[in-house]
Amino acid sequence: MPGDRTGFRARLRAPEPILGTFLKIPSTQPAEILATLGFDFVVIDEEHAPFNPETTDAILLACRAHGMAGLVRVRQPADILRVLDCGADGVLVPHVASPEIAREIVALARYSGARGLSPTTRAGTFGATDVAEHMRRQDQRCAVIAMIEDAECLDRIDAILATDGLDAIFIGRADLAASMGPAAANGGIERAVDLVLAGARDAGMPTLILSSDRTEADRFRSQGATGFLTMSDQGFLREQAARMRDIFSREV
């Protein structure tokens, strides 16, 4: 994969916000449709959807064909090597609850760390790229994003944000609230999110967050968020299908 076709890692830090969504349907076509609509990136959700390695591989190829960044939410750090070899522009790694885990996932994603080498993959143009150049390009282009979704992160957030080589964080509000339990009530989750956003802003760390509408996104943007995910391919299908079902159900 010569060069960085999408510029995703650089765009994480750009002044203009980027917009993506989750993919949960194991098919290439949702990615292709979203690319034609101008979405900046998609996240293939291996953690919560029925993807196998072959399906993820095909969807990443579809993203590449349309010039849209393809990221993967992996199930575990051990999956990082596989999806990067398939050409993923980056990884979202769940439950990065400590600086030790943050350092581990960065190392697994970098040849300068502990990433296993095989230049005969899509990422290495199937052996057509010089090995040293392949390693340099991959370390330069692949984004490593830690998911902040555990209550114990809150006491460790500054140390996690200080991890060398970590490109961004994603705040998983629903999981964070569930992990906080009763402490999330009465504005607790909002204060926790504000704490993480403030820490990321002070550390100069790009932050992604799920947002349901433009007003909410603008508020998070004012607090330093740089990228937004909204809904999923399943959600888009359900919302539009429900709307059309309602239209055709009305009495004339």
Protein backbone atom coordinates (compact mmCIF):
# COMPACT_ATOMS: atom_id res chain seq x y z
CA MET A 1 0.00 0.00 0.00
CA PRO A 2 2.23 2.81 -1.21
CA GLY A 3 2.16 5.92 0.90
CA ASP A 4 -0.81 6.94 2.98
CA ARG A 5 -3.85 6.91 0.71
CA THR A 6 -6.29 8.42 3.20
CA GLY A 7 -4.04 10.55 5.40
CA PHE A 8 -6.11 9.41 8.36
CA ARG A 9 -3.42 9.56 11.02
CA ALA A 10 -2.48 13.10 10.02
CA ARG A 11 -6.14 14.13 9.80
CA LEU A 12 -6.69 13.12 13.42
CA ARG A 13 -4.75 16.25 14.38
CA ALA A 14 -6.12 18.53 11.66
CA PRO A 15 -8.18 21.62 12.50
CA GLU A 16 -11.25 20.29 10.66
CA PRO A 17 -13.23 17.51 12.35
CA ILE A 18 -13.61 14.10 10.74
CA LEU A 19 -16.76 11.97 10.67
CA GLY A 20 -17.10 8.22 10.72
CA THR A 21 -19.43 5.42 11.71
CA PHE A 22 -19.31 1.83 12.87
CA LEU A 23 -19.77 -1.11 10.52
CA LYS A 24 -21.60 -4.09 11.99
CA ILE A 25 -22.98 -5.76 8.85
CA PRO A 26 -20.48 -8.32 7.46
CA SER A 27 -20.54 -7.10 3.87
CA THR A 28 -18.45 -4.74 1.74
CA GLN A 29 -21.42 -2.78 0.43
CA PRO A 30 -22.18 -0.62 3.51
CA ALA A 31 -18.58 0.63 3.39
CA GLU A 32 -18.87 1.38 -0.31
CA ILE A 33 -22.14 3.28 0.17
CA LEU A 34 -20.75 5.33 3.05
CA ALA A 35 -17.64 6.16 1.05
CA THR A 36 -19.73 7.51 -1.84
CA LEU A 37 -21.56 9.72 0.69
CA GLY A 38 -18.31 11.29 1.81
CA PHE A 39 -17.71 9.72 5.22
CA ASP A 40 -14.10 10.19 6.27
CA PHE A 41 -13.70 6.80 7.92
CA VAL A 42 -15.46 3.67 9.12
CA VAL A 43 -14.70 1.39 12.05
CA ILE A 44 -15.17 -2.31 11.36
CA ASP A 45 -16.54 -3.55 14.68
CA GLU A 46 -14.99 -6.95 15.28
CA GLU A 47 -15.69 -6.62 19.00
CA HIS A 48 -19.49 -6.51 18.77
CA ALA A 49 -20.40 -7.86 15.34
CA PRO A 50 -20.05 -11.19 13.48
CA PHE A 51 -16.95 -10.45 11.41
CA ASN A 52 -14.45 -13.12 10.48
CA PRO A 53 -10.92 -12.29 9.29
CA GLU A 54 -11.84 -12.79 5.63
CA THR A 55 -14.77 -10.37 5.85
CA THR A 56 -12.68 -7.72 7.56
CA ASP A 57 -10.03 -8.16 4.89
CA ALA A 58 -12.60 -7.67 2.09
CA ILE A 59 -14.11 -4.56 3.70
CA LEU A 60 -10.67 -2.99 4.16
CA LEU A 61 -10.07 -3.59 0.45
CA ALA A 62 -13.40 -1.88 -0.35
CA CYS A 63 -12.38 1.10 1.81
CA ARG A 64 -9.07 1.31 0.00
CA ALA A 65 -10.79 1.18 -3.40
CA HIS A 66 -12.94 4.20 -2.46
CA GLY A 67 -10.21 6.20 -0.72
CA MET A 68 -11.96 6.09 2.66
CA ALA A 69 -10.07 5.27 5.83
CA GLY A 70 -10.82 1.84 7.26
CA LEU A 71 -10.19 1.23 10.95
CA VAL A 72 -10.89 -1.90 12.97
CA ARG A 73 -12.14 -2.19 16.53
CA VAL A 74 -10.28 -5.35 17.47
CA ARG A 75 -11.44 -7.86 20.05
CA GLN A 76 -8.03 -8.02 21.74
CA PRO A 77 -4.51 -6.64 21.28
CA ALA A 78 -3.41 -9.90 19.63
CA ASP A 79 -5.61 -8.98 16.62
CA ILE A 80 -3.69 -5.78 15.87
CA LEU A 81 -1.07 -7.45 13.67
CA ARG A 82 -3.65 -9.22 11.50
CA VAL A 83 -5.73 -6.15 10.67
CA LEU A 84 -2.74 -3.90 10.03
CA ASP A 85 -1.29 -6.49 7.66
CA CYS A 86 -4.65 -6.38 5.83
CA GLY A 87 -4.15 -2.65 5.32
CA ALA A 88 -6.17 -1.08 8.13
CA ASP A 89 -5.51 2.63 8.59
CA GLY A 90 -5.67 2.18 12.33
CA VAL A 91 -7.04 0.24 15.27
CA LEU A 92 -9.42 0.98 18.11
CA VAL A 93 -8.42 -1.16 21.07
CA PRO A 94 -11.01 -1.79 23.81
CA HIS A 95 -10.41 -1.53 27.55
CA VAL A 96 -7.12 0.32 27.61
CA ALA A 97 -7.43 0.77 31.34
CA SER A 98 -3.79 1.43 32.25
CA PRO A 99 -0.62 2.99 30.85
CA GLU A 100 0.88 -0.51 30.69
CA ILE A 101 -1.83 -1.65 28.27
CA ALA A 102 -1.44 1.57 26.29
CA ARG A 103 2.28 0.93 25.87
CA GLU A 104 1.58 -2.68 24.85
CA ILE A 105 -0.83 -1.79 22.06
CA VAL A 106 1.49 0.89 20.67
CA ALA A 107 4.35 -1.63 20.59
CA LEU A 108 2.18 -4.25 18.84
CA ALA A 109 1.29 -1.74 16.12
CA ARG A 110 4.82 -0.49 15.38
CA TYR A 111 7.78 -2.17 13.74
CA SER A 112 9.83 0.10 15.96
CA GLY A 113 8.12 -1.76 18.81
CA ALA A 114 7.09 -5.42 18.66
CA ARG A 115 5.03 -5.78 15.46
CA GLY A 116 5.77 -9.01 13.63
CA LEU A 117 7.19 -8.58 10.13
CA SER A 118 5.67 -9.94 6.95
CA PRO A 119 6.05 -7.65 3.93
CA THR A 120 4.13 -10.04 1.65
CA THR A 121 0.75 -8.72 2.83
CA ARG A 122 -1.56 -6.08 1.36
CA ALA A 123 0.09 -3.55 3.68
CA GLY A 124 3.43 -4.42 2.07
CA THR A 125 2.02 -4.50 -1.48
CA PHE A 126 2.52 -8.28 -1.41
CA GLY A 127 6.28 -7.99 -1.32
CA ALA A 128 6.66 -5.29 -3.97
CA THR A 129 7.87 -2.68 -1.47
CA ASP A 130 11.38 -2.64 -0.06
CA VAL A 131 11.23 -4.11 3.44
CA ALA A 132 12.82 -1.13 5.18
CA GLU A 133 10.53 1.26 3.30
CA HIS A 134 7.50 -0.85 4.14
CA MET A 135 8.37 -0.76 7.84
CA ARG A 136 8.91 2.99 7.76
CA ARG A 137 5.65 3.68 5.95
CA GLN A 138 3.61 1.45 8.23
CA ASP A 139 4.97 3.04 11.39
CA GLN A 140 4.18 6.42 9.85
CA ARG A 141 0.62 5.74 8.69
CA CYS A 142 -1.12 3.37 11.14
CA ALA A 143 -3.10 5.06 13.92
CA VAL A 144 -3.35 3.53 17.39
CA ILE A 145 -6.45 4.61 19.30
CA ALA A 146 -7.14 3.60 22.91
CA MET A 147 -10.70 3.17 24.05
CA ILE A 148 -11.37 4.85 27.38
CA GLU A 149 -14.33 2.90 28.76
CA ASP A 150 -13.41 1.64 32.23
CA ALA A 151 -13.93 3.45 35.51
CA GLU A 152 -10.36 2.75 36.60
CA CYS A 153 -9.15 4.83 33.62
CA LEU A 154 -10.28 8.00 35.34
CA ASP A 155 -7.57 7.84 38.00
CA ARG A 156 -4.96 6.90 35.39
CA ILE A 157 -6.00 9.09 32.48
CA ASP A 158 -3.01 11.43 32.59
CA ALA A 159 -0.57 8.50 32.49
CA ILE A 160 -2.48 6.86 29.63
CA LEU A 161 -2.51 10.12 27.67
CA ALA A 162 1.25 10.46 28.16
CA THR A 163 1.94 7.17 26.34
CA ASP A 164 4.55 7.74 23.65
CA GLY A 165 3.22 6.74 20.23
CA LEU A 166 -0.47 6.70 21.16
CA ASP A 167 -2.28 8.65 18.45
CA ALA A 168 -5.72 9.26 19.94
CA ILE A 169 -8.31 8.11 22.44
CA PHE A 170 -11.94 7.19 21.93
CA ILE A 171 -14.30 7.86 24.83
CA GLY A 172 -16.85 5.05 25.09
CA ARG A 173 -19.50 6.80 27.12
CA ALA A 174 -21.96 3.91 27.39
CA ASP A 175 -19.36 1.40 28.58
CA LEU A 176 -17.79 3.97 30.86
CA ALA A 177 -21.17 4.68 32.47
CA ALA A 178 -21.82 0.96 32.92
CA SER A 179 -18.39 0.51 34.49
CA MET A 180 -18.98 3.44 36.87
CA GLY A 181 -22.23 1.95 38.14
CA PRO A 182 -24.21 4.22 40.49
CA ALA A 183 -21.46 6.85 40.28
CA ALA A 184 -22.55 7.57 36.69
CA ALA A 185 -25.93 8.90 37.87
CA ASN A 186 -26.78 12.52 38.62
CA GLY A 187 -24.29 13.92 36.15
CA GLY A 188 -21.46 11.59 37.10
CA ILE A 189 -20.84 10.32 33.59
CA GLU A 190 -20.90 13.85 32.18
CA ARG A 191 -18.28 14.95 34.72
CA ALA A 192 -16.15 11.92 33.88
CA VAL A 193 -16.30 12.67 30.15
CA ASP A 194 -15.44 16.32 30.82
CA LEU A 195 -12.44 15.17 32.89
CA VAL A 196 -11.13 12.96 30.09
CA LEU A 197 -11.71 15.63 27.44
CA ALA A 198 -9.90 18.24 29.52
CA GLY A 199 -6.97 15.89 30.12
CA ALA A 200 -6.72 15.06 26.42
CA ARG A 201 -6.90 18.70 25.43
CA ASP A 202 -4.13 19.61 27.89
CA ALA A 203 -2.00 16.72 26.63
CA GLY A 204 -2.59 17.59 22.98
CA MET A 205 -4.16 14.16 22.42
CA PRO A 206 -6.77 13.85 19.64
CA THR A 207 -10.10 12.54 20.92
CA LEU A 208 -12.86 10.64 19.15
CA ILE A 209 -16.35 10.38 20.59
CA LEU A 210 -19.73 9.02 19.57
CA SER A 211 -22.25 11.78 18.94
CA SER A 212 -25.92 11.62 18.07
CA ASP A 213 -26.36 15.05 16.50
CA ARG A 214 -24.59 18.20 15.36
CA THR A 215 -25.40 20.20 18.50
CA GLU A 216 -23.81 17.58 20.73
CA ALA A 217 -20.84 17.28 18.39
CA ASP A 218 -20.29 21.04 18.46
CA ARG A 219 -20.27 20.96 22.25
CA PHE A 220 -17.68 18.19 22.31
CA ARG A 221 -15.73 20.01 19.63
CA SER A 222 -15.54 23.08 21.85
CA GLN A 223 -14.06 20.83 24.55
CA GLY A 224 -11.35 19.54 22.25
CA ALA A 225 -12.83 16.50 20.47
CA THR A 226 -11.37 16.16 16.99
CA GLY A 227 -13.28 13.25 15.47
CA PHE A 228 -16.82 11.96 15.66
CA LEU A 229 -18.59 8.69 15.09
CA THR A 230 -22.32 8.59 14.60
CA MET A 231 -24.59 5.56 14.61
CA SER A 232 -23.71 2.48 12.51
CA ASP A 233 -24.71 0.84 9.27
CA GLN A 234 -27.32 -1.13 11.22
CA GLY A 235 -28.58 2.06 12.82
CA PHE A 236 -28.88 3.87 9.49
CA LEU A 237 -30.80 0.93 8.04
CA ARG A 238 -33.16 0.67 11.00
CA GLU A 239 -33.81 4.42 11.17
CA GLN A 240 -34.59 4.80 7.48
CA ALA A 241 -36.59 1.57 7.36
CA ALA A 242 -38.68 2.68 10.35
CA ARG A 243 -39.29 6.06 8.71
CA MET A 244 -40.45 4.49 5.46
CA ARG A 245 -42.57 1.94 7.31
CA ASP A 246 -44.24 4.80 9.16
CA ILE A 247 -44.90 6.68 5.92
CA PHE A 248 -46.57 3.69 4.29
CA SER A 249 -48.53 2.86 7.45
CA ARG A 250 -50.31 6.20 7.61
CA GLU A 251 -53.92 6.31 6.62
CA VAL A 252 -54.53 8.29 3.47
